[in-house]
């Protein structure tokens, strides 16, 4: 997850903006649901919490 997050974090601020994920498929589609604190950016914690549970 860390490498993938870093690759998407174009400005290296430790958060993913809507613009940074706009071409990233499911991240873009689920942005509003993943952004649980509604600050307009996704943190690593929000991404981890929003991951589907794998069986």
PDB file of N, CA and C in Angstrom:
ATOM      1  N   UNK A   1       0.826  -1.201   0.000  1.00  0.00           N
ATOM      2  CA  UNK A   1       0.000   0.000   0.000  1.00  0.00           C
ATOM      3  C   UNK A   1       0.863   1.255   0.000  1.00  0.00           C
ATOM      4  N   UNK A   2       1.942   1.263   0.765  1.00  0.00           N
ATOM      5  CA  UNK A   2       2.763   2.468   0.861  1.00  0.00           C
ATOM      6  C   UNK A   2       3.345   2.889  -0.487  1.00  0.00           C
ATOM      7  N   UNK A   3       3.841   1.931  -1.245  1.00  0.00           N
ATOM      8  CA  UNK A   3       4.426   2.258  -2.545  1.00  0.00           C
ATOM      9  C   UNK A   3       3.367   2.764  -3.507  1.00  0.00           C
ATOM     10  N   UNK A   4       2.212   2.142  -3.500  1.00  0.00           N
ATOM     11  CA  UNK A   4       1.122   2.567  -4.387  1.00  0.00           C
ATOM     12  C   UNK A   4       0.643   3.972  -4.002  1.00  0.00           C
ATOM     13  N   UNK A   5       0.494   4.203  -2.702  1.00  0.00           N
ATOM     14  CA  UNK A   5       0.075   5.515  -2.221  1.00  0.00           C
ATOM     15  C   UNK A   5       1.093   6.575  -2.644  1.00  0.00           C
ATOM     16  N   UNK A   6       2.363   6.298  -2.427  1.00  0.00           N
ATOM     17  CA  UNK A   6       3.427   7.250  -2.776  1.00  0.00           C
ATOM     18  C   UNK A   6       3.427   7.538  -4.273  1.00  0.00           C
ATOM     19  N   UNK A   7       3.172   6.531  -5.075  1.00  0.00           N
ATOM     20  CA  UNK A   7       3.157   6.726  -6.527  1.00  0.00           C
ATOM     21  C   UNK A   7       2.018   7.647  -6.962  1.00  0.00           C
ATOM     22  N   UNK A   8       0.899   7.596  -6.256  1.00  0.00           N
ATOM     23  CA  UNK A   8      -0.246   8.448  -6.600  1.00  0.00           C
ATOM     24  C   UNK A   8      -0.131   9.846  -6.006  1.00  0.00           C
ATOM     25  N   UNK A   9       0.635   9.995  -4.936  1.00  0.00           N
ATOM     26  CA  UNK A   9       0.767  11.271  -4.223  1.00  0.00           C
ATOM     27  C   UNK A   9       1.749  12.185  -4.961  1.00  0.00           C
ATOM     28  N   UNK A  10       1.289  12.795  -6.038  1.00  0.00           N
ATOM     29  CA  UNK A  10       2.138  13.577  -6.934  1.00  0.00           C
ATOM     30  C   UNK A  10       2.856  14.735  -6.233  1.00  0.00           C
ATOM     31  N   UNK A  11       2.193  15.403  -5.305  1.00  0.00           N
ATOM     32  CA  UNK A  11       2.823  16.557  -4.647  1.00  0.00           C
ATOM     33  C   UNK A  11       3.489  16.181  -3.319  1.00  0.00           C
ATOM     34  N   UNK A  12       3.498  14.902  -2.992  1.00  0.00           N
ATOM     35  CA  UNK A  12       4.185  14.366  -1.808  1.00  0.00           C
ATOM     36  C   UNK A  12       3.764  15.035  -0.497  1.00  0.00           C
ATOM     37  N   UNK A  13       2.462  15.321  -0.381  1.00  0.00           N
ATOM     38  CA  UNK A  13       1.985  15.935   0.858  1.00  0.00           C
ATOM     39  C   UNK A  13       1.418  14.917   1.843  1.00  0.00           C
ATOM     40  N   UNK A  14       1.481  13.632   1.485  1.00  0.00           N
ATOM     41  CA  UNK A  14       0.982  12.597   2.381  1.00  0.00           C
ATOM     42  C   UNK A  14      -0.515  12.384   2.308  1.00  0.00           C
ATOM     43  N   UNK A  15      -1.153  13.023   1.346  1.00  0.00           N
ATOM     44  CA  UNK A  15      -2.602  12.900   1.147  1.00  0.00           C
ATOM     45  C   UNK A  15      -2.874  12.811  -0.348  1.00  0.00           C
ATOM     46  N   UNK A  16      -3.982  12.201  -0.706  1.00  0.00           N
ATOM     47  CA  UNK A  16      -4.367  12.110  -2.113  1.00  0.00           C
ATOM     48  C   UNK A  16      -5.561  13.012  -2.368  1.00  0.00           C
ATOM     49  N   UNK A  17      -5.379  13.963  -3.256  1.00  0.00           N
ATOM     50  CA  UNK A  17      -6.480  14.858  -3.622  1.00  0.00           C
ATOM     51  C   UNK A  17      -7.342  14.189  -4.684  1.00  0.00           C
ATOM     52  N   UNK A  18      -8.506  14.734  -4.889  1.00  0.00           N
ATOM     53  CA  UNK A  18      -9.397  14.226  -5.935  1.00  0.00           C
ATOM     54  C   UNK A  18      -8.687  14.263  -7.295  1.00  0.00           C
ATOM     55  N   UNK A  19      -7.913  15.309  -7.533  1.00  0.00           N
ATOM     56  CA  UNK A  19      -7.192  15.445  -8.799  1.00  0.00           C
ATOM     57  C   UNK A  19      -6.137  14.351  -8.964  1.00  0.00           C
ATOM     58  N   UNK A  20      -5.473  13.989  -7.874  1.00  0.00           N
ATOM     59  CA  UNK A  20      -4.430  12.962  -7.950  1.00  0.00           C
ATOM     60  C   UNK A  20      -4.996  11.570  -8.230  1.00  0.00           C
ATOM     61  N   UNK A  21      -6.250  11.337  -7.906  1.00  0.00           N
ATOM     62  CA  UNK A  21      -6.832  10.002  -8.134  1.00  0.00           C
ATOM     63  C   UNK A  21      -7.852   9.982  -9.268  1.00  0.00           C
ATOM     64  N   UNK A  22      -8.013  11.089  -9.971  1.00  0.00           N
ATOM     65  CA  UNK A  22      -9.070  11.181 -10.980  1.00  0.00           C
ATOM     66  C   UNK A  22      -8.981  10.115 -12.065  1.00  0.00           C
ATOM     67  N   UNK A  23      -7.790   9.611 -12.355  1.00  0.00           N
ATOM     68  CA  UNK A  23      -7.616   8.575 -13.373  1.00  0.00           C
ATOM     69  C   UNK A  23      -7.329   7.207 -12.764  1.00  0.00           C
ATOM     70  N   UNK A  24      -7.664   7.021 -11.515  1.00  0.00           N
ATOM     71  CA  UNK A  24      -7.317   5.790 -10.803  1.00  0.00           C
ATOM     72  C   UNK A  24      -8.515   4.874 -10.551  1.00  0.00           C
ATOM     73  N   UNK A  25      -9.468   4.858 -11.436  1.00  0.00           N
ATOM     74  CA  UNK A  25     -10.573   3.903 -11.371  1.00  0.00           C
ATOM     75  C   UNK A  25     -11.347   3.924 -10.071  1.00  0.00           C
ATOM     76  N   UNK A  26     -11.216   2.858  -9.294  1.00  0.00           N
ATOM     77  CA  UNK A  26     -12.024   2.706  -8.077  1.00  0.00           C
ATOM     78  C   UNK A  26     -11.744   3.790  -7.029  1.00  0.00           C
ATOM     79  N   UNK A  27     -10.518   4.267  -6.952  1.00  0.00           N
ATOM     80  CA  UNK A  27     -10.242   5.364  -6.016  1.00  0.00           C
ATOM     81  C   UNK A  27     -11.089   6.578  -6.378  1.00  0.00           C
ATOM     82  N   UNK A  28     -11.136   6.906  -7.646  1.00  0.00           N
ATOM     83  CA  UNK A  28     -11.922   8.050  -8.099  1.00  0.00           C
ATOM     84  C   UNK A  28     -13.406   7.818  -7.861  1.00  0.00           C
ATOM     85  N   UNK A  29     -13.874   6.618  -8.169  1.00  0.00           N
ATOM     86  CA  UNK A  29     -15.295   6.288  -7.997  1.00  0.00           C
ATOM     87  C   UNK A  29     -15.711   6.330  -6.532  1.00  0.00           C
ATOM     88  N   UNK A  30     -14.830   5.930  -5.639  1.00  0.00           N
ATOM     89  CA  UNK A  30     -15.169   5.810  -4.216  1.00  0.00           C
ATOM     90  C   UNK A  30     -14.627   6.963  -3.369  1.00  0.00           C
ATOM     91  N   UNK A  31     -14.114   8.001  -4.012  1.00  0.00           N
ATOM     92  CA  UNK A  31     -13.457   9.090  -3.293  1.00  0.00           C
ATOM     93  C   UNK A  31     -14.316   9.628  -2.155  1.00  0.00           C
ATOM     94  N   UNK A  32     -15.551   9.986  -2.441  1.00  0.00           N
ATOM     95  CA  UNK A  32     -16.402  10.593  -1.404  1.00  0.00           C
ATOM     96  C   UNK A  32     -16.659   9.637  -0.246  1.00  0.00           C
ATOM     97  N   UNK A  33     -16.830   8.364  -0.534  1.00  0.00           N
ATOM     98  CA  UNK A  33     -17.063   7.382   0.526  1.00  0.00           C
ATOM     99  C   UNK A  33     -15.795   7.154   1.353  1.00  0.00           C
ATOM    100  N   UNK A  34     -14.650   7.165   0.708  1.00  0.00           N
ATOM    101  CA  UNK A  34     -13.385   6.951   1.412  1.00  0.00           C
ATOM    102  C   UNK A  34     -12.971   8.163   2.241  1.00  0.00           C
ATOM    103  N   UNK A  35     -13.336   9.351   1.798  1.00  0.00           N
ATOM    104  CA  UNK A  35     -12.973  10.593   2.497  1.00  0.00           C
ATOM    105  C   UNK A  35     -13.904  10.794   3.697  1.00  0.00           C
ATOM    106  N   UNK A  36     -13.675  10.001   4.739  1.00  0.00           N
ATOM    107  CA  UNK A  36     -14.606   9.979   5.869  1.00  0.00           C
ATOM    108  C   UNK A  36     -14.634  11.270   6.675  1.00  0.00           C
ATOM    109  N   UNK A  37     -13.545  12.033   6.689  1.00  0.00           N
ATOM    110  CA  UNK A  37     -13.574  13.299   7.428  1.00  0.00           C
ATOM    111  C   UNK A  37     -13.961  14.481   6.542  1.00  0.00           C
ATOM    112  N   UNK A  38     -14.242  14.187   5.275  1.00  0.00           N
ATOM    113  CA  UNK A  38     -14.750  15.177   4.312  1.00  0.00           C
ATOM    114  C   UNK A  38     -13.861  16.410   4.185  1.00  0.00           C
ATOM    115  N   UNK A  39     -12.539  16.178   4.176  1.00  0.00           N
ATOM    116  CA  UNK A  39     -11.613  17.298   4.017  1.00  0.00           C
ATOM    117  C   UNK A  39     -11.125  17.458   2.575  1.00  0.00           C
ATOM    118  N   UNK A  40     -11.652  16.641   1.666  1.00  0.00           N
ATOM    119  CA  UNK A  40     -11.282  16.757   0.262  1.00  0.00           C
ATOM    120  C   UNK A  40      -9.998  16.050  -0.115  1.00  0.00           C
ATOM    121  N   UNK A  41      -9.486  15.217   0.801  1.00  0.00           N
ATOM    122  CA  UNK A  41      -8.265  14.460   0.530  1.00  0.00           C
ATOM    123  C   UNK A  41      -8.351  13.110   1.230  1.00  0.00           C
ATOM    124  N   UNK A  42      -7.604  12.145   0.694  1.00  0.00           N
ATOM    125  CA  UNK A  42      -7.580  10.811   1.288  1.00  0.00           C
ATOM    126  C   UNK A  42      -6.247  10.584   1.983  1.00  0.00           C
ATOM    127  N   UNK A  43      -6.320  10.187   3.238  1.00  0.00           N
ATOM    128  CA  UNK A  43      -5.117   9.830   3.982  1.00  0.00           C
ATOM    129  C   UNK A  43      -4.899   8.327   3.858  1.00  0.00           C
ATOM    130  N   UNK A  44      -3.721   7.874   4.252  1.00  0.00           N
ATOM    131  CA  UNK A  44      -3.462   6.434   4.261  1.00  0.00           C
ATOM    132  C   UNK A  44      -4.453   5.725   5.183  1.00  0.00           C
ATOM    133  N   UNK A  45      -4.731   6.336   6.324  1.00  0.00           N
ATOM    134  CA  UNK A  45      -5.667   5.731   7.274  1.00  0.00           C
ATOM    135  C   UNK A  45      -7.055   5.564   6.667  1.00  0.00           C
ATOM    136  N   UNK A  46      -7.506   6.559   5.921  1.00  0.00           N
ATOM    137  CA  UNK A  46      -8.824   6.457   5.280  1.00  0.00           C
ATOM    138  C   UNK A  46      -8.827   5.346   4.238  1.00  0.00           C
ATOM    139  N   UNK A  47      -7.744   5.191   3.515  1.00  0.00           N
ATOM    140  CA  UNK A  47      -7.681   4.129   2.511  1.00  0.00           C
ATOM    141  C   UNK A  47      -7.674   2.756   3.167  1.00  0.00           C
ATOM    142  N   UNK A  48      -6.919   2.609   4.240  1.00  0.00           N
ATOM    143  CA  UNK A  48      -6.875   1.330   4.944  1.00  0.00           C
ATOM    144  C   UNK A  48      -8.257   0.998   5.508  1.00  0.00           C
ATOM    145  N   UNK A  49      -8.896   1.968   6.121  1.00  0.00           N
ATOM    146  CA  UNK A  49     -10.220   1.739   6.706  1.00  0.00           C
ATOM    147  C   UNK A  49     -11.261   1.412   5.647  1.00  0.00           C
ATOM    148  N   UNK A  50     -11.084   1.935   4.447  1.00  0.00           N
ATOM    149  CA  UNK A  50     -12.059   1.723   3.381  1.00  0.00           C
ATOM    150  C   UNK A  50     -11.815   0.510   2.525  1.00  0.00           C
ATOM    151  N   UNK A  51     -10.729  -0.220   2.816  1.00  0.00           N
ATOM    152  CA  UNK A  51     -10.413  -1.417   2.026  1.00  0.00           C
ATOM    153  C   UNK A  51     -11.442  -2.505   2.273  1.00  0.00           C
ATOM    154  N   UNK A  52     -11.834  -3.192   1.203  1.00  0.00           N
ATOM    155  CA  UNK A  52     -12.748  -4.316   1.408  1.00  0.00           C
ATOM    156  C   UNK A  52     -12.035  -5.439   2.158  1.00  0.00           C
ATOM    157  N   UNK A  53     -12.792  -6.148   2.950  1.00  0.00           N
ATOM    158  CA  UNK A  53     -12.254  -7.285   3.695  1.00  0.00           C
ATOM    159  C   UNK A  53     -12.116  -8.461   2.729  1.00  0.00           C
ATOM    160  N   UNK A  54     -10.932  -9.016   2.697  1.00  0.00           N
ATOM    161  CA  UNK A  54     -10.694 -10.176   1.819  1.00  0.00           C
ATOM    162  C   UNK A  54     -10.850 -11.457   2.604  1.00  0.00           C
ATOM    163  N   UNK A  55     -11.476 -12.423   1.966  1.00  0.00           N
ATOM    164  CA  UNK A  55     -11.698 -13.717   2.634  1.00  0.00           C
ATOM    165  C   UNK A  55     -10.661 -14.712   2.197  1.00  0.00           C
TER     166      UNK A  55
END
